[in-house]
């Protein structure tokens, strides 16, 4: 918030809606599954990381991000496949 003006500065995200629509649907589904897997894995590792240092937690965050991407690219738990099978085509609306 800028002082004295009462206005909030907001910058748009890097990828706008039009760019997102142009992306490959399979790529988006796999990316979504990777994010979902990372969040699940973070919760599973949370008790183990509670008493660890910031560096250690940062390392595990990076590890879990890469692990979740690899798992999703290898087929994951089927979320991406489910999304793709149930996604309506733009022309079919």
C-alpha atoms as a PDB file:
ATOM      1  CA  UNK A   1       0.000   0.000   0.000  1.00  0.00           C
ATOM      2  CA  UNK A   2       1.376   3.373  -0.915  1.00  0.00           C
ATOM      3  CA  UNK A   3       1.621   5.842   1.944  1.00  0.00           C
ATOM      4  CA  UNK A   4      -0.830   8.690   1.844  1.00  0.00           C
ATOM      5  CA  UNK A   5      -2.710   7.617  -1.300  1.00  0.00           C
ATOM      6  CA  UNK A   6      -4.886   4.849   0.130  1.00  0.00           C
ATOM      7  CA  UNK A   7      -4.319   2.833  -3.053  1.00  0.00           C
ATOM      8  CA  UNK A   8      -3.107  -0.732  -3.215  1.00  0.00           C
ATOM      9  CA  UNK A   9      -0.542  -1.571  -5.866  1.00  0.00           C
ATOM     10  CA  UNK A  10      -1.277  -4.915  -7.473  1.00  0.00           C
ATOM     11  CA  UNK A  11       0.717  -6.508 -10.235  1.00  0.00           C
ATOM     12  CA  UNK A  12      -0.850  -9.127 -12.446  1.00  0.00           C
ATOM     13  CA  UNK A  13       0.528 -12.670 -12.341  1.00  0.00           C
ATOM     14  CA  UNK A  14       3.096 -13.607 -14.971  1.00  0.00           C
ATOM     15  CA  UNK A  15       0.753 -15.884 -16.890  1.00  0.00           C
ATOM     16  CA  UNK A  16      -2.487 -14.286 -17.926  1.00  0.00           C
ATOM     17  CA  UNK A  17      -5.671 -16.175 -18.742  1.00  0.00           C
ATOM     18  CA  UNK A  18      -5.128 -16.143 -22.513  1.00  0.00           C
ATOM     19  CA  UNK A  19      -1.628 -17.625 -22.181  1.00  0.00           C
ATOM     20  CA  UNK A  20      -2.960 -20.309 -19.846  1.00  0.00           C
ATOM     21  CA  UNK A  21      -5.619 -21.313 -22.382  1.00  0.00           C
ATOM     22  CA  UNK A  22      -2.944 -21.762 -25.037  1.00  0.00           C
ATOM     23  CA  UNK A  23      -0.978 -24.210 -22.856  1.00  0.00           C
ATOM     24  CA  UNK A  24      -1.325 -27.891 -23.490  1.00  0.00           C
ATOM     25  CA  UNK A  25      -4.109 -29.407 -21.371  1.00  0.00           C
ATOM     26  CA  UNK A  26      -2.010 -32.446 -20.518  1.00  0.00           C
ATOM     27  CA  UNK A  27       0.825 -30.225 -19.316  1.00  0.00           C
ATOM     28  CA  UNK A  28      -1.592 -28.241 -17.133  1.00  0.00           C
ATOM     29  CA  UNK A  29      -3.109 -31.416 -15.669  1.00  0.00           C
ATOM     30  CA  UNK A  30       0.329 -32.842 -14.838  1.00  0.00           C
ATOM     31  CA  UNK A  31       1.379 -29.510 -13.320  1.00  0.00           C
ATOM     32  CA  UNK A  32      -1.759 -29.483 -11.154  1.00  0.00           C
ATOM     33  CA  UNK A  33      -1.105 -33.054 -10.021  1.00  0.00           C
ATOM     34  CA  UNK A  34       2.499 -32.153  -9.129  1.00  0.00           C
ATOM     35  CA  UNK A  35       1.285 -29.255  -6.963  1.00  0.00           C
ATOM     36  CA  UNK A  36      -1.295 -31.483  -5.279  1.00  0.00           C
ATOM     37  CA  UNK A  37       1.293 -34.209  -4.628  1.00  0.00           C
ATOM     38  CA  UNK A  38       3.731 -31.685  -3.156  1.00  0.00           C
ATOM     39  CA  UNK A  39       1.107 -30.432  -0.712  1.00  0.00           C
ATOM     40  CA  UNK A  40       0.244 -33.997   0.344  1.00  0.00           C
ATOM     41  CA  UNK A  41       3.929 -34.875   0.773  1.00  0.00           C
ATOM     42  CA  UNK A  42       4.576 -31.664   2.745  1.00  0.00           C
ATOM     43  CA  UNK A  43       1.865 -32.658   5.209  1.00  0.00           C
ATOM     44  CA  UNK A  44       3.266 -36.186   5.459  1.00  0.00           C
ATOM     45  CA  UNK A  45       6.784 -34.890   6.226  1.00  0.00           C
ATOM     46  CA  UNK A  46       5.632 -32.091   8.546  1.00  0.00           C
ATOM     47  CA  UNK A  47       6.093 -34.005  11.855  1.00  0.00           C
ATOM     48  CA  UNK A  48       9.593 -35.065  10.857  1.00  0.00           C
ATOM     49  CA  UNK A  49      10.647 -31.511   9.970  1.00  0.00           C
ATOM     50  CA  UNK A  50       9.208 -29.613  12.957  1.00  0.00           C
ATOM     51  CA  UNK A  51      12.424 -29.475  14.985  1.00  0.00           C
ATOM     52  CA  UNK A  52      14.808 -29.146  12.018  1.00  0.00           C
ATOM     53  CA  UNK A  53      16.709 -26.041  10.950  1.00  0.00           C
ATOM     54  CA  UNK A  54      15.549 -23.653   8.246  1.00  0.00           C
ATOM     55  CA  UNK A  55      18.245 -24.949   5.868  1.00  0.00           C
ATOM     56  CA  UNK A  56      17.114 -28.518   6.372  1.00  0.00           C
ATOM     57  CA  UNK A  57      13.443 -27.602   5.763  1.00  0.00           C
ATOM     58  CA  UNK A  58      14.404 -25.602   2.676  1.00  0.00           C
ATOM     59  CA  UNK A  59      16.315 -28.605   1.320  1.00  0.00           C
ATOM     60  CA  UNK A  60      13.304 -30.871   1.907  1.00  0.00           C
ATOM     61  CA  UNK A  61      10.959 -28.370   0.256  1.00  0.00           C
ATOM     62  CA  UNK A  62      13.144 -28.421  -2.854  1.00  0.00           C
ATOM     63  CA  UNK A  63      13.395 -32.203  -2.667  1.00  0.00           C
ATOM     64  CA  UNK A  64       9.608 -32.594  -2.375  1.00  0.00           C
ATOM     65  CA  UNK A  65       8.992 -30.217  -5.271  1.00  0.00           C
ATOM     66  CA  UNK A  66      11.276 -32.209  -7.568  1.00  0.00           C
ATOM     67  CA  UNK A  67       9.913 -35.524  -6.309  1.00  0.00           C
ATOM     68  CA  UNK A  68       6.319 -34.447  -6.894  1.00  0.00           C
ATOM     69  CA  UNK A  69       7.123 -33.270 -10.442  1.00  0.00           C
ATOM     70  CA  UNK A  70       8.814 -36.580 -11.277  1.00  0.00           C
ATOM     71  CA  UNK A  71       5.955 -38.575  -9.771  1.00  0.00           C
ATOM     72  CA  UNK A  72       3.360 -36.575 -11.726  1.00  0.00           C
ATOM     73  CA  UNK A  73       5.320 -36.934 -14.983  1.00  0.00           C
ATOM     74  CA  UNK A  74       5.563 -40.697 -14.396  1.00  0.00           C
ATOM     75  CA  UNK A  75       1.791 -41.039 -14.037  1.00  0.00           C
ATOM     76  CA  UNK A  76       1.360 -39.930 -10.444  1.00  0.00           C
ATOM     77  CA  UNK A  77      -1.742 -41.076  -8.631  1.00  0.00           C
ATOM     78  CA  UNK A  78      -4.063 -40.620 -11.580  1.00  0.00           C
ATOM     79  CA  UNK A  79      -5.304 -37.085 -10.928  1.00  0.00           C
ATOM     80  CA  UNK A  80      -3.984 -35.724 -14.250  1.00  0.00           C
ATOM     81  CA  UNK A  81      -5.458 -38.674 -16.120  1.00  0.00           C
ATOM     82  CA  UNK A  82      -8.826 -38.171 -14.405  1.00  0.00           C
ATOM     83  CA  UNK A  83      -8.813 -34.455 -15.222  1.00  0.00           C
ATOM     84  CA  UNK A  84      -7.973 -35.068 -18.867  1.00  0.00           C
ATOM     85  CA  UNK A  85     -10.672 -37.724 -19.246  1.00  0.00           C
ATOM     86  CA  UNK A  86     -13.310 -35.463 -17.710  1.00  0.00           C
ATOM     87  CA  UNK A  87     -12.276 -32.147 -19.214  1.00  0.00           C
ATOM     88  CA  UNK A  88     -14.681 -30.748 -21.779  1.00  0.00           C
ATOM     89  CA  UNK A  89     -13.244 -29.583 -25.039  1.00  0.00           C
ATOM     90  CA  UNK A  90     -13.635 -25.890 -25.843  1.00  0.00           C
ATOM     91  CA  UNK A  91     -15.520 -26.724 -29.049  1.00  0.00           C
ATOM     92  CA  UNK A  92     -17.940 -29.040 -27.274  1.00  0.00           C
ATOM     93  CA  UNK A  93     -19.517 -26.303 -25.164  1.00  0.00           C
END
